[in-house]
Each structure stands twice: as structure tokens, then as C-alpha cells.
N, C-alpha and C. Protein backbone atom coordinates (compact mmCIF):
# COMPACT_ATOMS: atom_id res chain seq x y z
N UNK A 1 0.79 13.64 -12.81
CA UNK A 1 0.29 12.18 -12.19
C UNK A 1 0.84 12.05 -10.96
N UNK A 2 -0.54 11.28 -9.80
CA UNK A 2 -0.50 11.83 -8.29
C UNK A 2 0.92 10.43 -8.27
N UNK A 3 1.97 10.58 -7.13
CA UNK A 3 2.69 9.53 -6.62
C UNK A 3 1.70 8.89 -5.81
N UNK A 4 1.47 7.66 -5.48
CA UNK A 4 0.79 6.85 -4.76
C UNK A 4 1.48 6.25 -3.46
N UNK A 5 2.93 6.13 -3.85
CA UNK A 5 4.10 5.49 -2.56
C UNK A 5 5.33 5.15 -3.64
N UNK A 6 6.07 4.68 -2.27
CA UNK A 6 7.01 3.94 -2.34
C UNK A 6 7.72 3.24 -1.71
N UNK A 7 8.12 2.13 -2.14
CA UNK A 7 8.14 0.77 -1.10
C UNK A 7 10.01 0.01 -1.65
N UNK A 8 10.68 -0.43 -0.67
CA UNK A 8 12.15 -0.64 -1.00
C UNK A 8 12.81 0.11 -2.38
N UNK A 9 12.55 1.44 -2.27
CA UNK A 9 13.34 2.08 -3.64
C UNK A 9 12.39 2.64 -5.10
N UNK A 10 11.24 1.57 -5.14
CA UNK A 10 10.39 1.23 -6.06
C UNK A 10 9.33 2.73 -6.02
N UNK A 11 9.28 3.32 -7.06
CA UNK A 11 8.43 5.08 -6.62
C UNK A 11 7.37 4.26 -7.71
N UNK A 12 5.94 4.46 -6.80
CA UNK A 12 4.80 4.40 -7.51
C UNK A 12 3.97 5.62 -8.41
N UNK A 13 3.30 5.57 -9.44
CA UNK A 13 2.61 6.59 -10.24
C UNK A 13 1.06 6.12 -10.33
N UNK A 14 0.14 6.63 -10.27
CA UNK A 14 -1.08 6.54 -10.99
C UNK A 14 -1.30 7.42 -12.07
N UNK A 15 -1.66 6.64 -13.16
CA UNK A 15 -1.79 7.31 -14.23
C UNK A 15 -3.06 7.00 -14.80
N UNK A 16 -4.12 7.76 -14.94
CA UNK A 16 -5.58 7.44 -15.09
C UNK A 16 -5.81 7.90 -16.37
N UNK A 17 -5.51 9.36 -16.98
CA UNK A 17 -6.23 9.75 -18.33
C UNK A 17 -5.16 9.87 -19.05
N UNK A 18 -3.93 8.95 -19.54
CA UNK A 18 -2.89 9.36 -20.62
C UNK A 18 -3.49 8.52 -21.71
N UNK A 19 -3.70 7.39 -21.31
CA UNK A 19 -3.90 5.98 -22.41
C UNK A 19 -4.91 5.31 -21.29
N UNK A 20 -6.14 4.19 -21.80
CA UNK A 20 -6.44 3.13 -21.36
C UNK A 20 -5.60 1.60 -21.73
N UNK A 21 -5.73 0.97 -20.92
CA UNK A 21 -6.19 0.71 -19.86
C UNK A 21 -5.62 1.69 -18.07
N UNK A 22 -6.27 2.61 -17.08
CA UNK A 22 -5.76 2.96 -16.07
C UNK A 22 -4.38 2.07 -15.82
N UNK A 23 -3.49 3.04 -15.38
CA UNK A 23 -2.53 1.86 -15.01
C UNK A 23 -1.15 2.49 -14.11
N UNK A 24 -0.53 1.90 -13.52
CA UNK A 24 0.39 2.38 -12.63
C UNK A 24 2.11 2.37 -13.04
N UNK A 25 2.93 3.61 -13.20
CA UNK A 25 4.29 2.69 -13.71
C UNK A 25 4.90 3.04 -11.84
N UNK A 26 5.66 1.95 -12.55
CA UNK A 26 7.10 1.93 -11.19
C UNK A 26 8.31 2.17 -11.94
N UNK A 27 9.03 2.89 -10.78
CA UNK A 27 10.13 3.36 -11.14
C UNK A 27 11.04 3.23 -10.04
N UNK A 28 12.05 1.99 -10.48
CA UNK A 28 13.31 2.07 -9.97
C UNK A 28 14.63 2.09 -10.74
N UNK A 29 15.73 2.84 -9.86
CA UNK A 29 16.70 3.02 -10.64
C UNK A 29 16.94 3.78 -12.33
N UNK A 30 17.07 3.07 -13.35
CA UNK A 30 16.80 3.36 -14.49
C UNK A 30 15.76 2.21 -15.13
N UNK A 31 15.14 1.51 -14.26
CA UNK A 31 13.97 1.03 -14.99
C UNK A 31 12.81 1.23 -14.96
N UNK A 32 11.75 1.01 -15.48
CA UNK A 32 10.45 1.22 -15.14
C UNK A 32 9.39 -0.26 -16.02
N UNK A 33 8.62 0.07 -15.61
CA UNK A 33 7.60 -0.99 -16.01
C UNK A 33 5.84 -0.22 -15.43
N UNK A 34 4.82 -1.00 -16.46
CA UNK A 34 3.66 -0.29 -16.40
C UNK A 34 2.60 -1.33 -15.74
N UNK A 35 1.84 -1.08 -15.18
CA UNK A 35 0.96 -2.20 -14.56
C UNK A 35 -0.18 -1.73 -14.73
N UNK A 36 -1.34 -2.59 -14.86
CA UNK A 36 -2.79 -2.30 -14.23
C UNK A 36 -2.88 -2.46 -13.08
N UNK A 37 -4.17 -1.94 -12.96
CA UNK A 37 -4.62 -1.47 -11.70
C UNK A 37 -4.90 -2.70 -10.97
N UNK A 38 -5.00 -3.77 -11.33
CA UNK A 38 -4.90 -5.12 -10.91
C UNK A 38 -3.76 -5.34 -10.69
N UNK A 39 -2.47 -5.21 -11.19
CA UNK A 39 -1.30 -6.11 -10.81
C UNK A 39 -1.14 -6.76 -12.61
N UNK A 40 -1.59 -6.91 -13.30
CA UNK A 40 -0.78 -7.20 -14.58
C UNK A 40 0.31 -6.33 -15.21
N UNK A 41 1.45 -6.87 -15.40
CA UNK A 41 2.28 -6.35 -16.38
C UNK A 41 1.72 -5.93 -17.92
N UNK A 42 1.77 -4.88 -18.08
CA UNK A 42 1.65 -4.11 -19.54
C UNK A 42 2.77 -3.92 -20.30
N UNK A 43 4.02 -2.99 -19.94
CA UNK A 43 5.17 -3.00 -20.22
C UNK A 43 6.23 -2.93 -19.38
N UNK A 44 7.38 -3.04 -19.95
CA UNK A 44 8.53 -3.07 -19.00
C UNK A 44 9.25 -4.27 -17.76
N UNK A 45 10.09 -3.52 -17.61
CA UNK A 45 10.65 -4.65 -16.54
C UNK A 45 11.20 -3.94 -15.30
N UNK A 46 11.27 -5.17 -13.99
CA UNK A 46 11.84 -4.33 -12.88
C UNK A 46 13.11 -5.65 -12.56
N UNK A 47 14.07 -5.03 -12.23
CA UNK A 47 15.43 -6.12 -12.02
C UNK A 47 14.55 -7.12 -10.83
N UNK A 48 15.01 -8.28 -10.63
CA UNK A 48 14.49 -8.95 -9.33
C UNK A 48 15.02 -8.70 -8.50
N UNK A 49 14.29 -9.40 -7.15
CA UNK A 49 14.81 -9.03 -5.30
C UNK A 49 16.19 -9.78 -5.57
N UNK A 50 17.38 -9.45 -4.95
CA UNK A 50 18.41 -10.54 -4.45
C UNK A 50 18.10 -11.20 -3.51
């Protein structure tokens, strides 16, 4: 899965062939969240900004 970027320590990977819908994984420290390509949260949670 290609790494598509990093912003403020959050790393983003594009997943397009493991299951539908196409989605983006966002990793921050021990947290993970999955988002659709239009930004809707599928599962997971990232900590809120302070």
C-alpha cells in the first residue's frame, strides 16, 4: 500500500485493493483510523488536537 503522506506525525496510506470501499489508513503513534477517500470515518479513532 503506498504511503501518500505525513502531516503533524500522522502517516497516511492508500488502500485500494484489500476491500471496498477504497480507503485511507491514518496512523498516529498507537492509534489508527480508516477513512473513505472523501473523508468519512469508517472505523477507528485518532486523538484530538490539543
